[in-house]
Amino acid sequence: MIIITGASGQFGRLVVNQLLERVPAEQLGVSVRDTSKVKELEERGVRVRRGDYNDADSLMHAFEGASQFLIVSSDSLGETALQHHRTAIEVATKAGAKHIYYSSQMGASKASLFPPMVDHAVTEEVLRTSGVAFTSLRNGFYAGSALMMLGDALETGVLAAPEDGPVAWTTHADLAEAAAIMMSEEGPQGITPVLTGSATVDLAGIAAMASELTGRPIRRMVITDEEYRAGLLAHGLPEERADMFVGLFLATRNGEFDRTDKTLAQLLGREPIGMKEVLKAAIAERGTR
C-alpha cells in the first residue's frame, strides 16, 4: 500500500488524484488531520485515516500495512517542522516502510536565506540516517507563490515588493504528476535533480507578462525589505512568517532558485507548464468572479 500524508492540501491531493490514474484505489491510503476534507477520496475507494504529525499513535494507525510513503512537508517552520518530519519518518520506518518519498524543495540547504529550505536540508539528513530507501523530491518553487506576490497588481497596476531575482516557478500539477510517476514506478532513490519548469523569471518579468495578457500597464516597484515586512505585520501576519517572506526575497536575489533542469520535462514527457500559462489561467479565473 502507498500512503500519502497531507492529502487534504493542494500538493498531496493532486498526487493522490494522479496515483488513482496509475494504481488501484485499494492500494492507496491517505493520512490527514481532518478526514471530513477528503470524503470524495474515500468514496473513490481510497483508505482514509486520521493522522497528525503531532500524534505518533495516530500516524501508526494511518500508516498500518503500507510499504511506500509520501511525506508531505509540514506547514510549520523551524524545530516544529523538523519534529513533525522526524516523527513521520520514524513512524513510517516502524510501520515497515520500504521506500519513503519526501516533498523537499530545489533550494534545500542549511545555508539558505529562506528558512524553510534549512528545514528541508535537515530533514534530508534524517532520511539518510533512517535506514530506509528514500527519494527527496527537490520540487521547483511553486508558481502559486508568484501569484501571491502579484497580489492586487492586476487592479492597482503596481507590483510592489522588495528586490528579487529569477525563480524557476513550477506548478503543483506538474510536480504532483511527476511524484505519482516516480511512486508508481518505484522511481529513483536519493535526492532528485531539481524538478523545475524550463525557464526562470523574476517579478519584473511577471509584471511584463501580466501587462501583455491584460492589455493594461503593470509597473514593478521595488520597496525596501523593511517596508515590506512592516506591511505584512500591519496585515496581521506573525513576525516569524513576516521574517520568512523577507527571507524569500533575500534568497531569490542571492540566486538560490535561479536554475532549471530537464528532469521534470523528461518525467512528464512534455514541457512543464510555464509561468505565462499560469498567469493566463489566473487572470481568466479572476475574470469569471
C-alpha atoms as a PDB file:
ATOM      1  CA  MET A   1       0.000   0.000   0.000  1.00  0.00           C
ATOM      2  CA  ILE A   2       1.047   3.589  -0.698  1.00  0.00           C
ATOM      3  CA  ILE A   3       0.323   6.221   1.970  1.00  0.00           C
ATOM      4  CA  ILE A   4       0.190   9.950   1.215  1.00  0.00           C
ATOM      5  CA  THR A   5       0.224  12.386   4.116  1.00  0.00           C
ATOM      6  CA  GLY A   6      -1.286  15.846   3.876  1.00  0.00           C
ATOM      7  CA  ALA A   7      -3.734  14.681   1.215  1.00  0.00           C
ATOM      8  CA  SER A   8      -6.192  17.466   2.062  1.00  0.00           C
ATOM      9  CA  GLY A   9      -3.618  20.021   0.893  1.00  0.00           C
ATOM     10  CA  GLN A  10      -3.064  21.105  -2.683  1.00  0.00           C
ATOM     11  CA  PHE A  11       0.051  19.063  -3.468  1.00  0.00           C
ATOM     12  CA  GLY A  12      -0.960  15.898  -1.604  1.00  0.00           C
ATOM     13  CA  ARG A  13      -4.437  15.842  -3.085  1.00  0.00           C
ATOM     14  CA  LEU A  14      -3.084  16.235  -6.612  1.00  0.00           C
ATOM     15  CA  VAL A  15      -0.625  13.394  -6.047  1.00  0.00           C
ATOM     16  CA  VAL A  16      -3.459  11.112  -4.913  1.00  0.00           C
ATOM     17  CA  ASN A  17      -5.512  12.012  -7.987  1.00  0.00           C
ATOM     18  CA  GLN A  18      -2.558  11.245 -10.223  1.00  0.00           C
ATOM     19  CA  LEU A  19      -1.881   7.945  -8.477  1.00  0.00           C
ATOM     20  CA  LEU A  20      -5.526   6.941  -8.926  1.00  0.00           C
ATOM     21  CA  GLU A  21      -4.877   7.016 -12.674  1.00  0.00           C
ATOM     22  CA  ARG A  22      -1.971   4.592 -12.248  1.00  0.00           C
ATOM     23  CA  VAL A  23      -2.718   2.170  -9.405  1.00  0.00           C
ATOM     24  CA  PRO A  24      -5.913   0.599  -7.992  1.00  0.00           C
ATOM     25  CA  ALA A  25      -7.645   2.695  -5.328  1.00  0.00           C
ATOM     26  CA  GLU A  26      -7.426  -0.121  -2.784  1.00  0.00           C
ATOM     27  CA  GLN A  27      -3.638   0.203  -2.905  1.00  0.00           C
ATOM     28  CA  LEU A  28      -3.804   3.828  -1.777  1.00  0.00           C
ATOM     29  CA  GLY A  29      -4.270   5.326   1.667  1.00  0.00           C
ATOM     30  CA  VAL A  30      -4.180   8.869   2.982  1.00  0.00           C
ATOM     31  CA  SER A  31      -3.212  10.279   6.351  1.00  0.00           C
ATOM     32  CA  VAL A  32      -4.938  13.581   7.132  1.00  0.00           C
ATOM     33  CA  ARG A  33      -5.705  15.612  10.236  1.00  0.00           C
ATOM     34  CA  ASP A  34      -9.344  16.114   9.232  1.00  0.00           C
ATOM     35  CA  THR A  35     -10.882  13.155   7.399  1.00  0.00           C
ATOM     36  CA  SER A  36     -14.012  15.140   6.544  1.00  0.00           C
ATOM     37  CA  LYS A  37     -11.959  17.117   3.995  1.00  0.00           C
ATOM     38  CA  VAL A  38     -11.252  14.056   1.850  1.00  0.00           C
ATOM     39  CA  LYS A  39     -14.604  12.279   1.772  1.00  0.00           C
ATOM     40  CA  GLU A  40     -14.511  12.147  -2.022  1.00  0.00           C
ATOM     41  CA  LEU A  41     -11.299  10.095  -1.865  1.00  0.00           C
ATOM     42  CA  GLU A  42     -12.956   7.598   0.455  1.00  0.00           C
ATOM     43  CA  GLU A  43     -15.877   7.386  -1.981  1.00  0.00           C
ATOM     44  CA  ARG A  44     -13.389   6.515  -4.733  1.00  0.00           C
ATOM     45  CA  GLY A  45     -12.047   3.597  -2.690  1.00  0.00           C
ATOM     46  CA  VAL A  46      -9.010   5.210  -1.066  1.00  0.00           C
ATOM     47  CA  ARG A  47      -8.364   4.241   2.563  1.00  0.00           C
ATOM     48  CA  VAL A  48      -8.825   7.370   4.684  1.00  0.00           C
ATOM     49  CA  ARG A  49      -7.454   7.530   8.223  1.00  0.00           C
ATOM     50  CA  ARG A  50      -6.712  10.340  10.621  1.00  0.00           C
ATOM     51  CA  GLY A  51      -3.004  11.018  11.025  1.00  0.00           C
ATOM     52  CA  ASP A  52      -1.449  14.008  12.781  1.00  0.00           C
ATOM     53  CA  TYR A  53       2.268  14.819  12.824  1.00  0.00           C
ATOM     54  CA  ASN A  54       1.798  15.807  16.479  1.00  0.00           C
ATOM     55  CA  ASP A  55       0.363  12.386  17.368  1.00  0.00           C
ATOM     56  CA  ALA A  56       2.627   9.405  16.630  1.00  0.00           C
ATOM     57  CA  ASP A  57      -0.068   6.893  17.625  1.00  0.00           C
ATOM     58  CA  SER A  58      -2.468   8.336  15.052  1.00  0.00           C
ATOM     59  CA  LEU A  59       0.245   8.086  12.392  1.00  0.00           C
ATOM     60  CA  MET A  60       0.942   4.460  13.267  1.00  0.00           C
ATOM     61  CA  HIS A  61      -2.722   3.659  12.679  1.00  0.00           C
ATOM     62  CA  ALA A  62      -2.827   5.695   9.460  1.00  0.00           C
ATOM     63  CA  PHE A  63       0.414   4.066   8.203  1.00  0.00           C
ATOM     64  CA  GLU A  64      -0.613   0.481   9.009  1.00  0.00           C
ATOM     65  CA  GLY A  65       0.117  -2.055   6.299  1.00  0.00           C
ATOM     66  CA  ALA A  66       1.936   0.304   3.941  1.00  0.00           C
ATOM     67  CA  SER A  67       5.355  -0.132   2.375  1.00  0.00           C
ATOM     68  CA  GLN A  68       5.645   3.132   0.438  1.00  0.00           C
ATOM     69  CA  PHE A  69       5.060   6.641   1.772  1.00  0.00           C
ATOM     70  CA  LEU A  70       4.931  10.213   0.569  1.00  0.00           C
ATOM     71  CA  ILE A  71       5.610  12.520   3.496  1.00  0.00           C
ATOM     72  CA  VAL A  72       4.434  15.978   2.518  1.00  0.00           C
ATOM     73  CA  SER A  73       6.426  18.638   4.337  1.00  0.00           C
ATOM     74  CA  SER A  74       4.858  20.366   7.329  1.00  0.00           C
ATOM     75  CA  ASP A  75       3.389  23.848   7.005  1.00  0.00           C
ATOM     76  CA  SER A  76       5.196  24.799  10.231  1.00  0.00           C
ATOM     77  CA  LEU A  77       8.702  26.252  10.498  1.00  0.00           C
ATOM     78  CA  GLY A  78      11.922  25.504  12.324  1.00  0.00           C
ATOM     79  CA  GLU A  79      12.055  22.959  15.127  1.00  0.00           C
ATOM     80  CA  THR A  80       8.299  22.349  14.962  1.00  0.00           C
ATOM     81  CA  ALA A  81       8.516  21.364  11.294  1.00  0.00           C
ATOM     82  CA  LEU A  82      11.569  19.211  11.932  1.00  0.00           C
ATOM     83  CA  GLN A  83       9.852  17.385  14.773  1.00  0.00           C
ATOM     84  CA  HIS A  84       6.864  16.737  12.510  1.00  0.00           C
ATOM     85  CA  HIS A  85       9.134  15.282   9.842  1.00  0.00           C
ATOM     86  CA  ARG A  86      11.176  13.195  12.295  1.00  0.00           C
ATOM     87  CA  THR A  87       8.008  11.748  13.788  1.00  0.00           C
ATOM     88  CA  ALA A  88       6.556  10.841  10.382  1.00  0.00           C
ATOM     89  CA  ILE A  89       9.816   9.242   9.218  1.00  0.00           C
ATOM     90  CA  GLU A  90      10.264   7.290  12.462  1.00  0.00           C
ATOM     91  CA  VAL A  91       6.687   6.006  12.427  1.00  0.00           C
ATOM     92  CA  ALA A  92       6.878   5.073   8.740  1.00  0.00           C
ATOM     93  CA  THR A  93      10.064   3.135   9.474  1.00  0.00           C
ATOM     94  CA  LYS A  94       8.409   1.284  12.367  1.00  0.00           C
ATOM     95  CA  ALA A  95       5.375   0.579  10.171  1.00  0.00           C
ATOM     96  CA  GLY A  96       7.587  -1.287   7.691  1.00  0.00           C
ATOM     97  CA  ALA A  97       8.420   1.347   5.093  1.00  0.00           C
ATOM     98  CA  LYS A  98      10.451   0.104   2.169  1.00  0.00           C
ATOM     99  CA  HIS A  99      10.590   3.486   0.422  1.00  0.00           C
ATOM    100  CA  ILE A 100       9.887   6.990   1.746  1.00  0.00           C
ATOM    101  CA  TYR A 101       9.315   9.931  -0.590  1.00  0.00           C
ATOM    102  CA  TYR A 102       9.551  13.453   0.821  1.00  0.00           C
ATOM    103  CA  SER A 103       8.402  16.737  -0.707  1.00  0.00           C
ATOM    104  CA  SER A 104      11.563  18.808  -0.450  1.00  0.00           C
ATOM    105  CA  GLN A 105      12.444  21.888  -2.486  1.00  0.00           C
ATOM    106  CA  MET A 106      15.024  22.921  -5.047  1.00  0.00           C
ATOM    107  CA  GLY A 107      16.668  25.376  -2.635  1.00  0.00           C
ATOM    108  CA  ALA A 108      17.151  22.938   0.238  1.00  0.00           C
ATOM    109  CA  SER A 109      20.343  23.990   2.029  1.00  0.00           C
ATOM    110  CA  LYS A 110      21.487  24.727   5.558  1.00  0.00           C
ATOM    111  CA  ALA A 111      22.975  27.947   4.206  1.00  0.00           C
ATOM    112  CA  SER A 112      19.727  29.186   2.629  1.00  0.00           C
ATOM    113  CA  LEU A 113      18.419  32.647   3.476  1.00  0.00           C
ATOM    114  CA  PHE A 114      14.848  31.291   3.215  1.00  0.00           C
ATOM    115  CA  PRO A 115      14.097  29.403   6.482  1.00  0.00           C
ATOM    116  CA  PRO A 116      12.014  26.513   5.035  1.00  0.00           C
ATOM    117  CA  MET A 117      14.990  25.482   2.883  1.00  0.00           C
ATOM    118  CA  VAL A 118      17.048  24.879   6.035  1.00  0.00           C
ATOM    119  CA  ASP A 119      14.244  22.646   7.367  1.00  0.00           C
ATOM    120  CA  HIS A 120      14.264  20.643   4.130  1.00  0.00           C
ATOM    121  CA  ALA A 121      18.040  20.164   4.261  1.00  0.00           C
ATOM    122  CA  VAL A 122      17.932  18.888   7.844  1.00  0.00           C
ATOM    123  CA  THR A 123      15.021  16.566   7.014  1.00  0.00           C
ATOM    124  CA  GLU A 124      17.039  15.093   4.158  1.00  0.00           C
ATOM    125  CA  GLU A 125      19.752  14.254   6.698  1.00  0.00           C
ATOM    126  CA  VAL A 126      17.144  12.469   8.819  1.00  0.00           C
ATOM    127  CA  LEU A 127      16.098  10.460   5.767  1.00  0.00           C
ATOM    128  CA  ARG A 128      19.714   9.498   5.022  1.00  0.00           C
ATOM    129  CA  THR A 129      20.125   8.035   8.506  1.00  0.00           C
ATOM    130  CA  SER A 130      16.706   6.329   8.626  1.00  0.00           C
ATOM    131  CA  GLY A 131      17.947   3.064   7.143  1.00  0.00           C
ATOM    132  CA  VAL A 132      15.076   3.120   4.623  1.00  0.00           C
ATOM    133  CA  ALA A 133      15.338   3.761   0.889  1.00  0.00           C
ATOM    134  CA  PHE A 134      14.227   7.338   0.237  1.00  0.00           C
ATOM    135  CA  THR A 135      13.631   9.841  -2.519  1.00  0.00           C
ATOM    136  CA  SER A 136      13.742  13.537  -1.732  1.00  0.00           C
ATOM    137  CA  LEU A 137      11.741  15.388  -4.358  1.00  0.00           C
ATOM    138  CA  ARG A 138      13.608  18.651  -4.981  1.00  0.00           C
ATOM    139  CA  ASN A 139      10.495  20.449  -6.224  1.00  0.00           C
ATOM    140  CA  GLY A 140      10.733  23.718  -8.090  1.00  0.00           C
ATOM    141  CA  PHE A 141       9.328  26.815  -6.421  1.00  0.00           C
ATOM    142  CA  TYR A 142       5.542  26.721  -6.508  1.00  0.00           C
ATOM    143  CA  ALA A 143       4.101  29.057  -9.126  1.00  0.00           C
ATOM    144  CA  GLY A 144       1.234  29.795  -6.750  1.00  0.00           C
ATOM    145  CA  SER A 145       3.685  31.828  -4.669  1.00  0.00           C
ATOM    146  CA  ALA A 146       4.292  34.089  -7.655  1.00  0.00           C
ATOM    147  CA  LEU A 147       0.553  34.739  -7.884  1.00  0.00           C
ATOM    148  CA  MET A 148       0.569  35.604  -4.187  1.00  0.00           C
ATOM    149  CA  MET A 149       3.384  38.092  -4.793  1.00  0.00           C
ATOM    150  CA  LEU A 150       1.458  39.554  -7.711  1.00  0.00           C
ATOM    151  CA  GLY A 151      -1.260  40.371  -5.187  1.00  0.00           C
ATOM    152  CA  ASP A 152      -3.653  43.081  -6.316  1.00  0.00           C
ATOM    153  CA  ALA A 153      -1.323  44.399  -9.029  1.00  0.00           C
ATOM    154  CA  LEU A 154      -3.861  43.476 -11.714  1.00  0.00           C
ATOM    155  CA  GLU A 155      -6.224  46.009 -10.153  1.00  0.00           C
ATOM    156  CA  THR A 156      -3.749  48.649  -8.966  1.00  0.00           C
ATOM    157  CA  GLY A 157      -1.282  48.457 -11.844  1.00  0.00           C
ATOM    158  CA  VAL A 158       1.646  48.281  -9.392  1.00  0.00           C
ATOM    159  CA  LEU A 159       3.543  45.191  -8.251  1.00  0.00           C
ATOM    160  CA  ALA A 160       5.289  46.435  -5.109  1.00  0.00           C
ATOM    161  CA  ALA A 161       7.801  44.090  -3.475  1.00  0.00           C
ATOM    162  CA  PRO A 162      11.452  44.012  -2.366  1.00  0.00           C
ATOM    163  CA  GLU A 163      14.287  43.459  -4.801  1.00  0.00           C
ATOM    164  CA  ASP A 164      14.161  39.893  -6.079  1.00  0.00           C
ATOM    165  CA  GLY A 165      15.857  37.541  -8.515  1.00  0.00           C
ATOM    166  CA  PRO A 166      14.889  34.930 -11.120  1.00  0.00           C
ATOM    167  CA  VAL A 167      12.986  31.863  -9.926  1.00  0.00           C
ATOM    168  CA  ALA A 168      12.233  28.549 -11.627  1.00  0.00           C
ATOM    169  CA  TRP A 169       8.486  28.690 -10.968  1.00  0.00           C
ATOM    170  CA  THR A 170       6.806  25.292 -11.265  1.00  0.00           C
ATOM    171  CA  THR A 171       3.171  24.243 -10.935  1.00  0.00           C
ATOM    172  CA  HIS A 172       1.737  21.998  -8.251  1.00  0.00           C
ATOM    173  CA  ALA A 173       0.069  19.971 -11.010  1.00  0.00           C
ATOM    174  CA  ASP A 174       3.299  19.151 -12.836  1.00  0.00           C
ATOM    175  CA  LEU A 175       5.152  18.297  -9.629  1.00  0.00           C
ATOM    176  CA  ALA A 176       2.299  16.087  -8.420  1.00  0.00           C
ATOM    177  CA  GLU A 177       2.237  14.227 -11.717  1.00  0.00           C
ATOM    178  CA  ALA A 178       5.988  13.669 -11.533  1.00  0.00           C
ATOM    179  CA  ALA A 179       5.720  12.393  -7.955  1.00  0.00           C
ATOM    180  CA  ALA A 180       2.983   9.945  -8.957  1.00  0.00           C
ATOM    181  CA  ILE A 181       5.015   8.698 -11.900  1.00  0.00           C
ATOM    182  CA  MET A 182       8.009   8.019  -9.664  1.00  0.00           C
ATOM    183  CA  MET A 183       5.965   6.392  -6.909  1.00  0.00           C
ATOM    184  CA  SER A 184       4.023   4.123  -9.230  1.00  0.00           C
ATOM    185  CA  GLU A 185       7.209   3.005 -10.936  1.00  0.00           C
ATOM    186  CA  GLU A 186       9.414   2.713  -7.810  1.00  0.00           C
ATOM    187  CA  GLY A 187      11.431   5.658  -9.034  1.00  0.00           C
ATOM    188  CA  PRO A 188      14.961   6.903  -8.300  1.00  0.00           C
ATOM    189  CA  GLN A 189      16.451   6.889  -4.830  1.00  0.00           C
ATOM    190  CA  GLY A 190      18.248   9.679  -3.010  1.00  0.00           C
ATOM    191  CA  ILE A 191      17.973  13.368  -3.789  1.00  0.00           C
ATOM    192  CA  THR A 192      16.495  14.107  -7.201  1.00  0.00           C
ATOM    193  CA  PRO A 193      17.821  16.712  -9.614  1.00  0.00           C
ATOM    194  CA  VAL A 194      15.836  19.932  -9.288  1.00  0.00           C
ATOM    195  CA  LEU A 195      12.330  19.375 -10.671  1.00  0.00           C
ATOM    196  CA  THR A 196      11.619  22.711 -12.319  1.00  0.00           C
ATOM    197  CA  GLY A 197       9.959  24.463 -15.167  1.00  0.00           C
ATOM    198  CA  SER A 198      12.072  25.184 -18.233  1.00  0.00           C
ATOM    199  CA  ALA A 199      12.698  28.871 -17.557  1.00  0.00           C
ATOM    200  CA  THR A 200      13.318  31.327 -14.747  1.00  0.00           C
ATOM    201  CA  VAL A 201      11.612  34.686 -14.389  1.00  0.00           C
ATOM    202  CA  ASP A 202      11.691  37.494 -11.844  1.00  0.00           C
ATOM    203  CA  LEU A 203       8.863  39.748 -10.696  1.00  0.00           C
ATOM    204  CA  ALA A 204       9.643  42.361 -13.347  1.00  0.00           C
ATOM    205  CA  GLY A 205       9.158  39.622 -15.932  1.00  0.00           C
ATOM    206  CA  ILE A 206       5.916  38.527 -14.306  1.00  0.00           C
ATOM    207  CA  ALA A 207       4.653  42.115 -14.333  1.00  0.00           C
ATOM    208  CA  ALA A 208       5.511  42.347 -18.045  1.00  0.00           C
ATOM    209  CA  MET A 209       3.678  39.089 -18.774  1.00  0.00           C
ATOM    210  CA  ALA A 210       0.634  40.263 -16.841  1.00  0.00           C
ATOM    211  CA  SER A 211       0.674  43.558 -18.738  1.00  0.00           C
ATOM    212  CA  GLU A 212       0.748  41.718 -22.054  1.00  0.00           C
ATOM    213  CA  LEU A 213      -2.054  39.353 -21.068  1.00  0.00           C
ATOM    214  CA  THR A 214      -4.362  42.023 -19.654  1.00  0.00           C
ATOM    215  CA  GLY A 215      -3.526  44.825 -22.056  1.00  0.00           C
ATOM    216  CA  ARG A 216      -3.043  47.102 -19.045  1.00  0.00           C
ATOM    217  CA  PRO A 217       0.293  48.505 -17.830  1.00  0.00           C
ATOM    218  CA  ILE A 218       1.563  46.888 -14.630  1.00  0.00           C
ATOM    219  CA  ARG A 219       4.616  48.541 -13.113  1.00  0.00           C
ATOM    220  CA  ARG A 220       7.175  46.716 -10.995  1.00  0.00           C
ATOM    221  CA  MET A 221       8.038  48.897  -7.983  1.00  0.00           C
ATOM    222  CA  VAL A 222      10.899  47.951  -5.654  1.00  0.00           C
ATOM    223  CA  ILE A 223      10.370  48.670  -1.959  1.00  0.00           C
ATOM    224  CA  THR A 224      12.715  48.027   0.951  1.00  0.00           C
ATOM    225  CA  ASP A 225      12.697  44.833   2.959  1.00  0.00           C
ATOM    226  CA  GLU A 226      11.685  46.888   5.991  1.00  0.00           C
ATOM    227  CA  GLU A 227       8.703  48.438   4.209  1.00  0.00           C
ATOM    228  CA  TYR A 228       7.576  45.036   3.010  1.00  0.00           C
ATOM    229  CA  ARG A 229       7.907  43.472   6.457  1.00  0.00           C
ATOM    230  CA  ALA A 230       6.012  46.346   8.079  1.00  0.00           C
ATOM    231  CA  GLY A 231       3.188  45.877   5.574  1.00  0.00           C
ATOM    232  CA  LEU A 232       2.947  42.167   6.365  1.00  0.00           C
ATOM    233  CA  LEU A 233       2.833  42.855  10.092  1.00  0.00           C
ATOM    234  CA  ALA A 234       0.180  45.531   9.556  1.00  0.00           C
ATOM    235  CA  HIS A 235      -1.966  42.892   7.850  1.00  0.00           C
ATOM    236  CA  GLY A 236      -1.725  40.680  10.929  1.00  0.00           C
ATOM    237  CA  LEU A 237       0.997  38.263   9.859  1.00  0.00           C
ATOM    238  CA  PRO A 238       3.031  36.869  12.802  1.00  0.00           C
ATOM    239  CA  GLU A 239       6.641  38.070  12.995  1.00  0.00           C
ATOM    240  CA  GLU A 240       8.024  34.596  12.230  1.00  0.00           C
ATOM    241  CA  ARG A 241       6.040  34.450   8.992  1.00  0.00           C
ATOM    242  CA  ALA A 242       6.918  38.035   8.054  1.00  0.00           C
ATOM    243  CA  ASP A 243      10.602  37.251   8.525  1.00  0.00           C
ATOM    244  CA  MET A 244      10.162  34.113   6.431  1.00  0.00           C
ATOM    245  CA  PHE A 245       8.780  36.093   3.486  1.00  0.00           C
ATOM    246  CA  VAL A 246      11.543  38.678   3.731  1.00  0.00           C
ATOM    247  CA  GLY A 247      13.960  35.742   3.687  1.00  0.00           C
ATOM    248  CA  LEU A 248      12.378  34.567   0.452  1.00  0.00           C
ATOM    249  CA  PHE A 249      13.335  37.813  -1.289  1.00  0.00           C
ATOM    250  CA  LEU A 250      16.840  37.668   0.189  1.00  0.00           C
ATOM    251  CA  ALA A 251      17.182  34.139  -1.176  1.00  0.00           C
ATOM    252  CA  THR A 252      15.868  34.928  -4.648  1.00  0.00           C
ATOM    253  CA  ARG A 253      18.216  37.861  -5.133  1.00  0.00           C
ATOM    254  CA  ASN A 254      21.027  35.619  -3.867  1.00  0.00           C
ATOM    255  CA  GLY A 255      20.257  33.321  -6.820  1.00  0.00           C
ATOM    256  CA  GLU A 256      19.075  30.346  -4.760  1.00  0.00           C
ATOM    257  CA  PHE A 257      16.239  29.466  -7.159  1.00  0.00           C
ATOM    258  CA  ASP A 258      17.842  30.630 -10.407  1.00  0.00           C
ATOM    259  CA  ARG A 259      18.412  27.300 -12.135  1.00  0.00           C
ATOM    260  CA  THR A 260      16.483  24.815 -14.233  1.00  0.00           C
ATOM    261  CA  ASP A 261      16.821  21.167 -15.138  1.00  0.00           C
ATOM    262  CA  LYS A 262      15.306  18.893 -17.795  1.00  0.00           C
ATOM    263  CA  THR A 263      14.400  16.096 -15.374  1.00  0.00           C
ATOM    264  CA  LEU A 264      10.809  17.219 -14.828  1.00  0.00           C
ATOM    265  CA  ALA A 265      10.176  17.535 -18.582  1.00  0.00           C
ATOM    266  CA  GLN A 266      11.665  14.081 -19.128  1.00  0.00           C
ATOM    267  CA  LEU A 267       9.449  12.549 -16.438  1.00  0.00           C
ATOM    268  CA  LEU A 268       6.333  14.195 -17.843  1.00  0.00           C
ATOM    269  CA  GLY A 269       7.189  13.529 -21.473  1.00  0.00           C
ATOM    270  CA  ARG A 270       6.382  17.164 -22.293  1.00  0.00           C
ATOM    271  CA  GLU A 271       7.389  20.684 -21.416  1.00  0.00           C
ATOM    272  CA  PRO A 272       6.233  21.767 -17.941  1.00  0.00           C
ATOM    273  CA  ILE A 273       3.543  24.428 -17.684  1.00  0.00           C
ATOM    274  CA  GLY A 274       5.165  27.858 -17.964  1.00  0.00           C
ATOM    275  CA  MET A 275       4.601  30.959 -15.866  1.00  0.00           C
ATOM    276  CA  LYS A 276       2.783  32.727 -18.675  1.00  0.00           C
ATOM    277  CA  GLU A 277       0.241  29.891 -18.853  1.00  0.00           C
ATOM    278  CA  VAL A 278      -0.197  30.081 -15.079  1.00  0.00           C
ATOM    279  CA  LEU A 279      -0.840  33.826 -15.267  1.00  0.00           C
ATOM    280  CA  LYS A 280      -3.243  33.438 -18.160  1.00  0.00           C
ATOM    281  CA  ALA A 281      -5.316  30.903 -16.214  1.00  0.00           C
ATOM    282  CA  ALA A 282      -5.288  33.049 -13.065  1.00  0.00           C
ATOM    283  CA  ILE A 283      -6.393  36.148 -14.980  1.00  0.00           C
ATOM    284  CA  ALA A 284      -9.178  34.216 -16.678  1.00  0.00           C
ATOM    285  CA  GLU A 285     -10.346  32.876 -13.308  1.00  0.00           C
ATOM    286  CA  ARG A 286     -10.458  36.364 -11.845  1.00  0.00           C
ATOM    287  CA  GLY A 287     -12.485  37.497 -14.792  1.00  0.00           C
ATOM    288  CA  THR A 288     -15.202  34.932 -14.045  1.00  0.00           C
ATOM    289  CA  ARG A 289     -15.712  36.006 -10.432  1.00  0.00           C
END
